[in-house]
N, C-alpha and C. Protein backbone atom coordinates (compact mmCIF):
# COMPACT_ATOMS: atom_id res chain seq x y z
N MET A 1 18.89 -0.34 2.79
CA MET A 1 18.15 -0.34 3.78
C MET A 1 18.19 -1.78 4.59
N ALA A 2 18.57 -1.57 5.95
CA ALA A 2 18.46 -2.70 6.79
C ALA A 2 17.85 -3.69 6.78
N ASN A 3 18.15 -5.00 6.47
CA ASN A 3 17.41 -6.20 6.31
C ASN A 3 16.22 -6.08 4.96
N ALA A 4 16.97 -5.39 3.80
CA ALA A 4 16.05 -5.10 2.42
C ALA A 4 15.58 -6.37 1.98
N PHE A 5 14.36 -6.77 1.43
CA PHE A 5 14.15 -7.70 0.63
C PHE A 5 13.06 -7.50 -0.42
N THR A 6 12.76 -8.22 -1.35
CA THR A 6 11.93 -8.14 -2.26
C THR A 6 11.10 -9.27 -2.52
N ARG A 7 9.77 -8.87 -2.86
CA ARG A 7 8.85 -10.05 -3.01
C ARG A 7 8.13 -10.11 -4.13
N ASN A 8 8.10 -10.83 -5.21
CA ASN A 8 7.68 -11.36 -6.43
C ASN A 8 6.30 -12.12 -5.87
N LEU A 9 5.26 -11.76 -6.22
CA LEU A 9 3.88 -12.48 -5.96
C LEU A 9 3.22 -12.73 -7.89
N THR A 10 3.18 -13.53 -7.89
CA THR A 10 2.15 -14.29 -9.05
C THR A 10 1.04 -14.74 -8.87
N PHE A 11 -0.09 -14.14 -9.21
CA PHE A 11 -1.59 -14.62 -8.99
C PHE A 11 -1.88 -15.21 -10.44
N GLN A 12 -2.42 -16.78 -10.69
CA GLN A 12 -3.17 -17.17 -11.67
C GLN A 12 -4.31 -17.37 -11.78
N SER A 13 -4.61 -17.95 -12.67
CA SER A 13 -6.20 -18.61 -13.04
C SER A 13 -6.20 -19.56 -14.18
N ASN A 14 -6.83 -20.56 -14.23
CA ASN A 14 -7.25 -21.28 -15.36
C ASN A 14 -8.59 -21.83 -15.68
N ASP A 15 -9.38 -20.96 -16.48
CA ASP A 15 -11.10 -21.23 -16.81
C ASP A 15 -11.31 -21.38 -15.35
N LEU A 16 -11.19 -19.82 -14.89
CA LEU A 16 -11.47 -19.60 -13.21
C LEU A 16 -13.27 -20.06 -12.99
N GLY A 17 -14.17 -19.71 -14.27
CA GLY A 17 -15.64 -20.20 -14.38
C GLY A 17 -16.47 -19.41 -13.70
N LYS A 18 -16.30 -18.05 -13.40
CA LYS A 18 -16.44 -16.93 -13.33
C LYS A 18 -15.79 -15.68 -13.08
N ASP A 19 -15.82 -14.56 -13.56
CA ASP A 19 -15.31 -13.15 -13.54
C ASP A 19 -15.26 -12.87 -12.48
N ALA A 20 -13.62 -12.35 -11.81
CA ALA A 20 -13.38 -11.87 -10.39
C ALA A 20 -12.60 -10.72 -10.58
N THR A 21 -12.58 -9.90 -10.03
CA THR A 21 -11.39 -8.58 -9.41
C THR A 21 -10.77 -8.97 -8.46
N LEU A 22 -9.39 -8.91 -8.37
CA LEU A 22 -8.51 -9.17 -7.09
C LEU A 22 -7.99 -8.00 -6.64
N ALA A 23 -7.96 -7.62 -5.39
CA ALA A 23 -7.66 -6.24 -5.06
C ALA A 23 -6.55 -6.76 -3.99
N LEU A 24 -5.56 -6.05 -3.77
CA LEU A 24 -4.57 -6.30 -3.13
C LEU A 24 -4.14 -4.83 -2.20
N THR A 25 -4.08 -4.79 -0.60
CA THR A 25 -4.01 -3.68 0.37
C THR A 25 -3.63 -4.07 1.59
N PHE A 26 -2.51 -3.09 2.02
CA PHE A 26 -1.98 -3.72 3.58
C PHE A 26 -2.58 -2.78 4.52
N ASP A 27 -4.19 -3.65 4.71
CA ASP A 27 -5.05 -2.93 5.56
C ASP A 27 -5.48 -3.50 6.79
N VAL A 28 -3.89 -3.81 7.61
CA VAL A 28 -4.37 -4.62 8.88
C VAL A 28 -4.71 -3.79 9.79
N ASP A 29 -5.81 -4.05 10.48
CA ASP A 29 -6.19 -2.89 11.22
C ASP A 29 -5.45 -2.70 12.59
N THR A 30 -4.63 -1.30 12.70
CA THR A 30 -4.17 -0.62 13.70
C THR A 30 -4.38 0.30 14.25
N ASN A 31 -3.94 0.85 15.56
CA ASN A 31 -4.60 2.06 16.05
C ASN A 31 -4.70 3.21 15.11
N GLY A 32 -5.72 3.76 15.07
CA GLY A 32 -5.74 4.97 14.23
C GLY A 32 -6.28 5.00 13.13
N MET A 33 -6.12 3.92 12.35
CA MET A 33 -6.79 3.38 11.23
C MET A 33 -8.22 3.59 10.73
N TYR A 34 -8.63 3.96 9.55
CA TYR A 34 -10.08 4.38 9.27
C TYR A 34 -10.57 5.91 10.33
N ASP A 35 -9.64 6.23 10.94
CA ASP A 35 -9.89 7.36 11.49
C ASP A 35 -8.81 8.70 11.46
N GLU A 36 -7.42 8.49 11.82
CA GLU A 36 -6.37 9.20 11.71
C GLU A 36 -5.77 8.80 10.21
N PHE A 37 -5.98 7.57 9.99
CA PHE A 37 -4.95 7.80 8.41
C PHE A 37 -5.77 6.42 7.93
N PHE A 38 -5.56 5.94 6.72
CA PHE A 38 -6.28 5.29 6.00
C PHE A 38 -5.49 4.47 4.51
N PRO A 39 -5.61 3.18 4.57
CA PRO A 39 -5.04 2.38 3.85
C PRO A 39 -5.30 2.87 2.51
N VAL A 40 -4.69 2.19 1.25
CA VAL A 40 -4.92 2.55 -0.22
C VAL A 40 -4.60 1.05 -0.75
N VAL A 41 -5.66 0.74 -1.63
CA VAL A 41 -5.20 -0.26 -2.67
C VAL A 41 -3.87 -0.08 -3.20
N TRP A 42 -3.06 -1.28 -3.17
CA TRP A 42 -1.71 -1.18 -4.25
C TRP A 42 -2.35 -2.32 -5.37
N LYS A 43 -3.08 -3.25 -5.83
CA LYS A 43 -2.91 -3.49 -6.79
C LYS A 43 -4.44 -4.14 -7.13
N VAL A 44 -4.91 -4.21 -8.44
CA VAL A 44 -6.33 -4.79 -8.68
C VAL A 44 -5.98 -5.23 -10.19
N PHE A 45 -6.46 -7.11 -10.08
CA PHE A 45 -5.84 -7.31 -11.04
C PHE A 45 -7.20 -8.24 -11.73
N PRO A 46 -7.88 -8.10 -13.14
CA PRO A 46 -8.91 -8.97 -13.40
C PRO A 46 -8.92 -10.20 -13.99
N PHE A 47 -9.23 -11.23 -13.49
CA PHE A 47 -9.76 -12.57 -13.87
C PHE A 47 -10.62 -13.23 -14.48
N TRP A 48 -10.48 -13.57 -15.94
CA TRP A 48 -12.06 -13.68 -16.59
C TRP A 48 -12.02 -15.38 -16.35
N LYS A 49 -13.56 -16.08 -16.43
CA LYS A 49 -13.64 -17.03 -16.43
C LYS A 49 -13.50 -18.38 -17.07
N ASN A 50 -13.33 -17.79 -18.72
CA ASN A 50 -12.31 -18.63 -19.23
C ASN A 50 -11.40 -18.08 -19.93
N GLY A 51 -10.00 -19.08 -19.89
CA GLY A 51 -8.85 -18.99 -20.26
C GLY A 51 -8.06 -18.99 -19.53
N SER A 52 -6.51 -18.66 -19.55
CA SER A 52 -5.88 -18.66 -18.12
C SER A 52 -5.07 -17.42 -18.15
N TYR A 53 -4.80 -16.74 -16.99
CA TYR A 53 -4.52 -15.33 -16.83
C TYR A 53 -3.17 -15.49 -15.61
N ARG A 54 -2.27 -14.35 -15.77
CA ARG A 54 -1.24 -14.35 -15.12
C ARG A 54 -1.18 -13.02 -14.51
N SER A 55 -0.99 -12.80 -13.20
CA SER A 55 -0.95 -10.92 -12.80
C SER A 55 0.61 -10.97 -12.02
N GLN A 56 1.03 -10.15 -11.92
CA GLN A 56 2.62 -9.98 -10.69
C GLN A 56 2.18 -9.08 -10.46
N ALA A 57 2.91 -8.74 -8.95
CA ALA A 57 3.04 -7.42 -8.17
C ALA A 57 4.54 -8.25 -7.58
N THR A 58 5.33 -6.63 -7.13
CA THR A 58 6.66 -6.74 -6.79
C THR A 58 6.45 -5.77 -5.48
N TYR A 59 7.23 -6.23 -4.50
CA TYR A 59 7.23 -5.62 -3.11
C TYR A 59 8.32 -5.68 -2.85
N THR A 60 9.13 -3.81 -2.58
CA THR A 60 10.34 -4.29 -1.88
C THR A 60 10.21 -2.88 -0.53
N ASN A 61 10.74 -3.88 0.24
CA ASN A 61 10.52 -2.91 1.63
C ASN A 61 11.78 -2.05 2.01
N GLN A 62 11.49 -0.98 0.79
CA GLN A 62 12.19 0.29 1.08
C GLN A 62 11.02 1.39 0.98
N LEU A 63 10.83 1.92 2.46
CA LEU A 63 9.48 2.69 2.78
C LEU A 63 9.90 3.96 2.44
N ALA A 64 8.89 4.84 2.20
CA ALA A 64 8.96 6.23 2.09
C ALA A 64 8.11 7.08 2.24
N PHE A 65 8.31 8.36 2.80
CA PHE A 65 6.95 9.12 3.26
C PHE A 65 7.40 10.55 1.87
N PHE A 66 6.18 10.68 1.62
CA PHE A 66 5.78 11.77 0.19
C PHE A 66 4.25 12.51 0.63
N LYS A 67 4.23 13.58 -0.07
CA LYS A 67 3.55 14.47 -0.61
C LYS A 67 2.32 14.24 -1.09
N PRO A 68 0.95 13.63 -1.15
CA PRO A 68 0.65 13.00 -2.39
C PRO A 68 0.02 13.90 -2.76
N GLN A 69 -0.72 13.75 -4.08
CA GLN A 69 -1.72 14.56 -4.73
C GLN A 69 -2.95 13.79 -4.78
N VAL A 70 -4.08 13.98 -4.59
CA VAL A 70 -5.18 13.09 -4.57
C VAL A 70 -6.29 13.86 -5.53
N ALA A 71 -6.59 12.91 -6.30
CA ALA A 71 -7.75 12.93 -7.15
C ALA A 71 -9.11 13.37 -6.88
N TRP A 72 -9.76 13.77 -7.92
CA TRP A 72 -11.08 13.81 -7.30
C TRP A 72 -11.97 12.85 -7.17
N ASP A 73 -11.41 11.62 -7.27
CA ASP A 73 -12.19 10.32 -7.15
C ASP A 73 -11.40 9.60 -5.96
N ASN A 74 -10.77 10.39 -5.06
CA ASN A 74 -10.34 9.68 -3.97
C ASN A 74 -9.44 9.05 -3.94
N SER A 75 -8.87 9.28 -5.21
CA SER A 75 -6.92 8.12 -5.26
C SER A 75 -5.93 9.06 -5.79
N ILE A 76 -4.93 8.53 -4.90
CA ILE A 76 -3.70 9.35 -4.93
C ILE A 76 -3.36 9.01 -6.45
N ILE A 77 -2.72 9.88 -7.23
CA ILE A 77 -2.29 10.41 -8.47
C ILE A 77 -0.94 10.66 -8.37
N ASP A 78 -0.24 11.15 -7.66
CA ASP A 78 1.03 11.67 -7.67
C ASP A 78 1.72 12.45 -6.27
N ALA A 79 2.84 11.88 -6.41
CA ALA A 79 4.00 12.50 -5.41
C ALA A 79 4.63 13.49 -5.51
N LEU A 80 4.32 15.00 -4.71
CA LEU A 80 4.51 16.34 -5.09
C LEU A 80 6.52 15.81 -4.62
N ALA A 81 6.51 15.41 -3.58
CA ALA A 81 7.98 15.06 -3.11
C ALA A 81 7.82 14.12 -2.07
N CYS A 82 9.16 13.68 -2.20
CA CYS A 82 9.23 12.19 -1.45
C CYS A 82 11.02 11.88 -1.10
N VAL A 83 10.83 11.02 0.34
CA VAL A 83 12.15 10.82 0.49
C VAL A 83 12.17 9.66 1.48
N GLU A 84 12.57 8.70 1.15
CA GLU A 84 13.38 7.26 1.44
C GLU A 84 13.91 7.51 2.91
N LEU A 85 13.83 6.16 3.73
CA LEU A 85 13.82 6.30 5.25
C LEU A 85 13.44 4.90 5.24
N ASN A 86 14.25 4.46 6.60
CA ASN A 86 14.26 3.38 7.22
C ASN A 86 13.27 3.44 8.63
N VAL A 87 12.72 2.19 9.07
CA VAL A 87 12.38 2.43 10.47
C VAL A 87 12.98 2.79 11.37
N GLY A 88 12.71 3.42 12.14
CA GLY A 88 13.26 3.92 13.02
C GLY A 88 14.08 5.58 12.62
N GLU A 89 13.63 6.19 11.61
CA GLU A 89 14.08 7.42 11.34
C GLU A 89 13.15 8.46 10.80
N LYS A 90 13.40 9.76 11.04
CA LYS A 90 12.14 10.51 10.99
C LYS A 90 13.03 11.57 9.93
N THR A 91 11.95 12.37 9.54
CA THR A 91 12.19 13.38 8.30
C THR A 91 10.94 14.51 8.70
N SER A 92 11.12 15.87 8.23
CA SER A 92 10.19 16.74 8.19
C SER A 92 10.00 17.20 7.00
N LEU A 93 8.86 17.83 6.60
CA LEU A 93 8.35 18.42 5.59
C LEU A 93 8.33 19.65 5.60
N THR A 94 8.79 20.70 4.43
CA THR A 94 8.55 21.60 4.47
C THR A 94 8.20 22.21 3.30
N GLU A 95 7.88 23.97 3.02
CA GLU A 95 7.17 24.23 1.70
C GLU A 95 8.04 25.70 1.45
N ALA A 96 8.51 26.25 0.34
CA ALA A 96 8.59 27.08 -0.13
C ALA A 96 8.13 27.73 -1.24
N ASN A 97 7.87 28.82 -1.52
CA ASN A 97 7.33 29.27 -2.94
C ASN A 97 6.55 27.92 -3.65
N ASP A 98 5.88 27.31 -3.00
CA ASP A 98 5.07 26.27 -3.31
C ASP A 98 5.91 25.14 -3.31
N VAL A 99 7.06 24.70 -3.60
CA VAL A 99 7.61 23.63 -3.42
C VAL A 99 7.98 22.94 -2.61
N TYR A 100 7.56 21.59 -2.34
CA TYR A 100 7.69 20.52 -1.18
C TYR A 100 9.01 20.11 -0.69
N SER A 101 9.75 19.71 0.27
CA SER A 101 10.89 18.58 0.35
C SER A 101 10.66 18.42 1.63
N PHE A 102 11.19 17.21 1.67
CA PHE A 102 11.71 16.34 2.74
C PHE A 102 13.00 16.51 3.45
N SER A 103 13.35 16.93 4.66
CA SER A 103 14.56 16.72 5.18
C SER A 103 15.26 15.05 5.10
N ARG A 104 16.55 15.10 4.91
CA ARG A 104 17.23 14.17 5.42
C ARG A 104 16.80 13.70 6.41
N PRO A 105 16.71 12.03 5.87
CA PRO A 105 16.33 11.13 7.74
C PRO A 105 17.40 11.22 8.48
N VAL A 106 16.92 11.36 9.64
CA VAL A 106 17.73 11.59 10.97
C VAL A 106 17.16 10.20 12.02
N ALA A 107 18.16 9.96 12.90
CA ALA A 107 17.48 8.44 13.88
C ALA A 107 16.56 9.41 14.73
N GLY A 108 15.58 8.38 14.70
CA GLY A 108 13.99 8.68 15.51
C GLY A 108 13.83 7.81 16.68
N ILE A 109 12.71 7.86 16.40
CA ILE A 109 11.88 6.65 17.40
C ILE A 109 12.29 5.29 16.85
N LYS A 110 12.62 4.10 17.62
CA LYS A 110 12.54 3.05 17.22
C LYS A 110 11.33 2.38 16.80
N ASP A 111 11.24 1.77 15.62
CA ASP A 111 10.23 0.91 15.34
C ASP A 111 9.00 1.63 14.92
N VAL A 112 9.32 3.30 14.28
CA VAL A 112 7.98 3.78 14.18
C VAL A 112 8.92 4.17 12.45
N LEU A 113 8.10 5.07 11.89
CA LEU A 113 8.65 6.09 10.76
C LEU A 113 8.05 7.13 11.12
N GLN A 114 8.52 8.35 11.29
CA GLN A 114 8.29 9.79 11.61
C GLN A 114 8.67 10.70 10.74
N ALA A 115 7.58 11.88 10.39
CA ALA A 115 7.78 12.74 9.53
C ALA A 115 6.77 13.93 10.38
N VAL A 116 7.26 14.89 10.56
CA VAL A 116 6.82 16.13 11.28
C VAL A 116 6.69 17.38 9.56
N ASN A 117 5.10 18.22 10.34
CA ASN A 117 4.45 19.00 8.98
C ASN A 117 5.48 20.44 9.74
N ASN A 118 6.11 20.95 8.76
CA ASN A 118 6.55 21.99 9.00
C ASN A 118 6.63 23.02 8.00
N THR A 119 5.09 22.84 7.47
CA THR A 119 5.45 23.97 6.68
C THR A 119 4.30 25.04 6.90
N GLU A 120 3.92 25.38 7.91
CA GLU A 120 3.02 26.61 8.19
C GLU A 120 1.43 26.49 7.89
N ASP A 121 1.43 24.97 7.62
CA ASP A 121 -0.09 24.91 6.96
C ASP A 121 -0.67 23.20 7.28
N VAL A 122 -1.90 22.91 6.53
CA VAL A 122 -2.20 21.82 7.62
C VAL A 122 -2.03 21.11 6.06
N GLN A 123 -1.66 19.77 5.82
CA GLN A 123 -0.84 18.96 4.47
C GLN A 123 -1.34 17.83 4.76
N ASP A 124 -1.20 17.02 3.44
CA ASP A 124 -1.45 15.57 3.42
C ASP A 124 -0.30 15.28 3.24
N ILE A 125 0.23 13.88 3.89
CA ILE A 125 1.11 13.13 3.94
C ILE A 125 0.70 11.52 3.68
N ALA A 126 1.43 10.56 3.19
CA ALA A 126 1.26 9.45 2.69
C ALA A 126 2.96 8.68 2.98
N VAL A 127 2.63 7.43 3.05
CA VAL A 127 3.57 6.44 3.60
C VAL A 127 3.53 5.41 2.12
N GLY A 128 4.65 5.44 1.40
CA GLY A 128 4.56 4.21 0.47
C GLY A 128 6.07 3.36 0.70
N PHE A 129 6.09 2.53 -0.53
CA PHE A 129 7.75 2.11 -0.68
C PHE A 129 7.78 1.97 -2.11
N MET A 130 9.56 1.88 -2.56
CA MET A 130 10.04 1.72 -3.83
C MET A 130 10.35 0.87 -3.71
N THR A 131 9.69 0.19 -5.30
CA THR A 131 10.42 -0.64 -5.94
C THR A 131 11.22 -0.52 -6.75
N ARG A 132 12.32 -1.10 -7.05
CA ARG A 132 13.60 -0.86 -8.28
C ARG A 132 12.87 -0.26 -9.71
N GLY A 133 13.56 0.78 -9.67
CA GLY A 133 13.29 1.40 -11.01
C GLY A 133 12.03 2.53 -10.98
N ASP A 134 11.37 2.16 -10.07
CA ASP A 134 10.34 3.34 -10.13
C ASP A 134 10.78 4.80 -9.80
N LEU A 135 10.62 6.22 -9.62
CA LEU A 135 10.90 7.37 -9.25
C LEU A 135 10.37 7.95 -8.10
N LYS A 136 9.02 7.33 -8.10
CA LYS A 136 8.11 7.64 -6.94
C LYS A 136 7.65 6.53 -6.65
N PRO A 137 6.92 6.45 -4.81
CA PRO A 137 6.51 5.54 -4.29
C PRO A 137 5.40 4.81 -4.40
N LYS A 138 4.71 3.75 -4.60
CA LYS A 138 3.58 2.97 -4.06
C LYS A 138 3.08 3.32 -2.83
N PRO A 139 1.52 4.18 -3.11
CA PRO A 139 0.94 4.46 -1.66
C PRO A 139 0.50 3.75 -1.04
N SER A 140 0.72 3.55 0.23
CA SER A 140 0.53 2.48 0.88
C SER A 140 -0.67 2.85 2.38
N LEU A 141 -0.32 4.14 2.84
CA LEU A 141 -1.23 4.24 4.03
C LEU A 141 -1.39 5.87 3.47
N TYR A 142 -2.44 6.84 4.16
CA TYR A 142 -2.45 8.12 3.48
C TYR A 142 -2.92 8.83 4.94
N TYR A 143 -2.48 9.75 4.83
CA TYR A 143 -2.77 10.41 6.71
C TYR A 143 -3.45 12.06 6.17
N PRO A 144 -4.52 12.20 6.25
CA PRO A 144 -4.77 13.78 5.56
C PRO A 144 -5.04 14.70 6.59
N GLU A 145 -5.02 15.86 6.08
CA GLU A 145 -4.92 17.29 7.17
C GLU A 145 -3.73 16.94 8.49
N VAL A 146 -2.59 16.79 8.23
CA VAL A 146 -1.82 17.09 9.49
C VAL A 146 -1.81 18.13 9.45
N GLY A 147 -1.85 18.34 11.10
CA GLY A 147 -1.76 20.05 11.19
C GLY A 147 0.04 20.55 10.96
N ASP A 148 0.05 21.79 11.24
CA ASP A 148 1.57 22.35 11.12
C ASP A 148 1.88 22.03 12.58
N GLY A 149 3.07 21.82 12.63
CA GLY A 149 3.96 21.19 13.71
C GLY A 149 3.67 19.94 14.15
N SER A 150 2.61 19.05 13.42
CA SER A 150 2.13 17.91 13.75
C SER A 150 3.31 16.79 13.52
N PRO A 151 3.26 15.78 14.17
CA PRO A 151 4.32 14.74 13.86
C PRO A 151 3.37 13.29 13.14
N ILE A 152 3.74 12.69 12.43
CA ILE A 152 3.15 11.19 11.72
C ILE A 152 3.89 10.18 12.33
N MET A 153 3.01 9.21 13.33
CA MET A 153 3.99 7.85 13.70
C MET A 153 3.45 6.65 13.21
N ALA A 154 4.21 6.72 11.73
CA ALA A 154 3.51 5.40 11.34
C ALA A 154 4.50 4.25 11.51
N GLN A 155 3.68 2.79 11.89
CA GLN A 155 3.92 1.56 11.96
C GLN A 155 3.34 1.01 10.69
N PHE A 156 4.48 0.73 9.76
CA PHE A 156 3.83 -0.17 8.41
C PHE A 156 4.09 -1.55 8.74
N ASN A 157 2.92 -2.31 8.74
CA ASN A 157 3.03 -3.74 8.44
C ASN A 157 2.67 -4.51 6.94
N THR A 158 4.09 -5.36 6.90
CA THR A 158 3.94 -5.82 6.16
C THR A 158 3.21 -7.26 5.64
N VAL A 159 1.98 -7.36 6.27
CA VAL A 159 0.82 -8.54 5.85
C VAL A 159 -0.04 -7.55 5.13
N LEU A 160 -0.10 -8.61 3.76
CA LEU A 160 -0.79 -8.08 2.47
C LEU A 160 -1.89 -9.07 2.76
N ARG A 161 -3.04 -8.40 2.44
CA ARG A 161 -4.42 -9.11 2.18
C ARG A 161 -5.06 -9.04 0.63
N ALA A 162 -5.82 -9.63 0.35
CA ALA A 162 -6.28 -9.96 -0.99
C ALA A 162 -7.99 -10.39 -1.00
N TYR A 163 -8.47 -9.32 -1.74
CA TYR A 163 -10.00 -9.46 -1.68
C TYR A 163 -10.65 -9.96 -3.04
N ILE A 164 -11.79 -10.46 -3.23
CA ILE A 164 -12.27 -10.10 -4.40
C ILE A 164 -13.50 -9.19 -4.17
N THR A 165 -12.98 -8.16 -5.47
CA THR A 165 -14.23 -6.83 -5.15
C THR A 165 -13.70 -6.07 -6.34
N SER A 166 -15.01 -5.62 -6.89
CA SER A 166 -14.49 -4.56 -8.33
C SER A 166 -14.87 -3.14 -7.87
N ASN A 167 -14.77 -2.65 -6.64
CA ASN A 167 -15.15 -1.54 -6.11
C ASN A 167 -14.62 -0.38 -6.33
N TYR A 168 -13.10 -1.01 -6.41
CA TYR A 168 -11.94 -0.23 -6.06
C TYR A 168 -11.12 -0.25 -7.34
N GLN A 169 -10.22 0.96 -7.77
CA GLN A 169 -9.24 1.33 -8.66
C GLN A 169 -7.81 0.94 -7.89
N GLU A 170 -6.64 0.93 -8.56
CA GLU A 170 -5.25 1.04 -7.83
C GLU A 170 -4.83 2.15 -7.36
N ASN A 171 -4.19 2.90 -6.07
CA ASN A 171 -4.37 3.78 -5.50
C ASN A 171 -5.59 4.44 -4.91
N ALA A 172 -6.49 3.58 -5.23
CA ALA A 172 -7.95 4.35 -4.08
C ALA A 172 -7.45 4.32 -2.37
N ILE A 173 -7.97 5.32 -2.27
CA ILE A 173 -7.73 5.65 -0.36
C ILE A 173 -9.14 5.22 0.24
N LEU A 174 -9.17 3.96 0.89
CA LEU A 174 -9.82 3.52 1.84
C LEU A 174 -10.41 3.98 2.43
N ARG A 175 -11.88 4.71 2.36
CA ARG A 175 -12.01 5.46 3.97
C ARG A 175 -12.70 4.59 4.49
N GLU A 176 -13.00 3.45 4.60
CA GLU A 176 -13.66 2.61 5.49
C GLU A 176 -13.40 1.02 4.89
N PRO A 177 -13.25 0.01 6.15
CA PRO A 177 -12.70 -1.54 5.47
C PRO A 177 -13.52 -2.14 4.38
N ILE A 178 -12.76 -2.67 3.75
CA ILE A 178 -13.59 -3.41 2.36
C ILE A 178 -14.89 -4.31 2.93
N ALA A 179 -15.82 -4.52 2.43
CA ALA A 179 -16.96 -5.29 3.10
C ALA A 179 -16.71 -6.76 2.67
N THR A 180 -15.95 -7.10 1.60
CA THR A 180 -16.33 -8.41 1.14
C THR A 180 -15.22 -9.24 2.28
N PHE A 181 -15.38 -10.57 2.19
CA PHE A 181 -14.56 -11.39 3.01
C PHE A 181 -12.94 -10.98 2.14
N GLU A 182 -12.22 -11.43 3.72
CA GLU A 182 -10.53 -11.53 3.38
C GLU A 182 -10.34 -12.94 3.01
N LEU A 183 -9.87 -12.93 1.54
CA LEU A 183 -9.66 -14.03 1.19
C LEU A 183 -8.43 -14.88 1.33
N TRP A 184 -7.32 -13.99 1.23
CA TRP A 184 -6.01 -14.31 1.24
C TRP A 184 -4.91 -13.85 2.40
N SER A 185 -4.24 -13.70 2.99
CA SER A 185 -3.40 -13.04 4.10
C SER A 185 -2.16 -13.90 4.06
N HIS A 186 -1.10 -12.39 4.47
CA HIS A 186 0.54 -13.20 4.19
C HIS A 186 1.36 -12.05 4.73
N ASP A 187 2.09 -12.36 5.86
CA ASP A 187 3.23 -11.65 6.14
C ASP A 187 4.46 -11.22 5.08
N LEU A 188 4.31 -10.48 4.41
CA LEU A 188 4.97 -10.70 3.07
C LEU A 188 7.00 -10.99 3.33
N ALA A 189 7.39 -10.50 4.49
CA ALA A 189 8.53 -11.05 5.30
C ALA A 189 8.69 -12.42 5.69
N ALA A 190 8.01 -13.16 5.29
CA ALA A 190 7.57 -14.72 6.03
C ALA A 190 7.81 -15.52 4.77
N LEU A 191 7.63 -14.57 3.57
CA LEU A 191 7.85 -15.44 2.33
C LEU A 191 8.92 -15.61 1.69
N PRO A 192 9.11 -16.80 0.87
CA PRO A 192 10.21 -16.74 0.13
C PRO A 192 10.30 -15.50 -1.32
N GLU A 193 11.47 -14.92 -1.69
CA GLU A 193 11.27 -14.14 -2.95
C GLU A 193 10.45 -14.51 -4.09
N ASN A 194 10.31 -15.29 -4.36
CA ASN A 194 9.48 -15.73 -5.60
C ASN A 194 8.09 -16.87 -5.17
N THR A 195 6.70 -15.94 -5.34
CA THR A 195 6.03 -17.57 -5.17
C THR A 195 4.41 -16.79 -6.17
N THR A 196 4.30 -18.00 -6.33
CA THR A 196 3.08 -18.38 -7.40
C THR A 196 1.46 -18.77 -6.61
N TRP A 197 0.81 -18.10 -7.11
CA TRP A 197 -0.92 -18.87 -6.32
C TRP A 197 -1.90 -18.84 -6.76
N ASN A 198 -2.22 -19.91 -6.86
CA ASN A 198 -3.86 -19.98 -7.80
C ASN A 198 -5.07 -19.55 -7.27
N LEU A 199 -5.75 -18.60 -8.02
CA LEU A 199 -7.21 -18.05 -7.93
C LEU A 199 -7.81 -19.41 -8.43
N LYS A 200 -8.48 -19.88 -7.66
CA LYS A 200 -9.85 -20.67 -7.72
C LYS A 200 -11.39 -20.42 -7.75
N TYR A 201 -12.34 -20.83 -8.07
CA TYR A 201 -13.43 -20.65 -7.73
C TYR A 201 -14.55 -22.06 -7.72
N ASP A 202 -15.29 -22.23 -6.73
CA ASP A 202 -15.96 -23.17 -6.45
C ASP A 202 -17.36 -23.03 -6.36
N SER A 203 -17.79 -23.55 -7.42
CA SER A 203 -19.64 -22.86 -8.20
C SER A 203 -20.28 -23.91 -7.13
N SER A 204 -20.36 -24.79 -6.88
CA SER A 204 -21.28 -25.41 -5.54
C SER A 204 -21.25 -24.22 -4.49
N SER A 205 -20.26 -24.00 -3.61
CA SER A 205 -20.22 -22.86 -2.76
C SER A 205 -20.22 -21.36 -3.08
N GLY A 206 -19.66 -21.07 -4.44
CA GLY A 206 -19.84 -19.70 -4.60
C GLY A 206 -18.72 -19.45 -4.08
N ARG A 207 -17.80 -20.01 -3.85
CA ARG A 207 -16.54 -19.19 -3.10
C ARG A 207 -15.12 -19.14 -3.60
N TYR A 208 -14.36 -18.37 -3.57
CA TYR A 208 -13.20 -18.23 -4.35
C TYR A 208 -12.23 -18.45 -3.05
N THR A 209 -11.08 -19.30 -3.72
CA THR A 209 -9.97 -19.20 -2.63
C THR A 209 -8.39 -19.37 -3.41
N ILE A 210 -7.42 -18.93 -2.65
CA ILE A 210 -6.06 -18.49 -3.14
C ILE A 210 -4.99 -19.60 -2.77
N VAL A 211 -4.43 -20.83 -3.25
CA VAL A 211 -3.46 -21.68 -2.83
C VAL A 211 -2.41 -21.54 -3.60
N GLN A 212 -1.22 -21.70 -2.71
CA GLN A 212 0.31 -21.57 -3.57
C GLN A 212 0.33 -22.96 -4.47
N ALA A 213 1.12 -22.43 -5.71
CA ALA A 213 1.46 -23.58 -6.49
C ALA A 213 2.18 -24.26 -6.37
């Protein structure tokens, strides 16, 4: 992939003082979000009030379209078919004898990822990214009920946000914005390959902060 990069993020705490759950998601509001498509929770990390804890997340900017399998609890649990592609490329989803497949990507529209549903039925389609060693993509954006012959024009944003909330699990589809305050936000493309971040809690103000170690 052009301009490929990997970002290794480490979040840590030491005697935090209060139990907390950190949720990471690519949910920067863009046109159509929470209407035509929905962000997906990437990582959920628990941190306990006593002791030292470290959690790691690795992002690689190899994007992919995939046919998601969605569980009853509104989370993505599998990819029935997937294809890696780059920004500015397009693919199409087809189905034959209950087997889904994406076509080989070709040149498309600049600055967007494009997928066309050519299955002759309504389909869910998702955007994710491939981490080295994984056979299936990590989901990031979910497009439900894409009509036959309809295209998806996805603009994936590499801005990652963090929230303190215990209301979600990994791969949960966010049907509405997270209600808690955005704790941390960074464009992964602007970060060095490896960064470490300290999660802290101020008992006097009741607020959490994340600062670079």
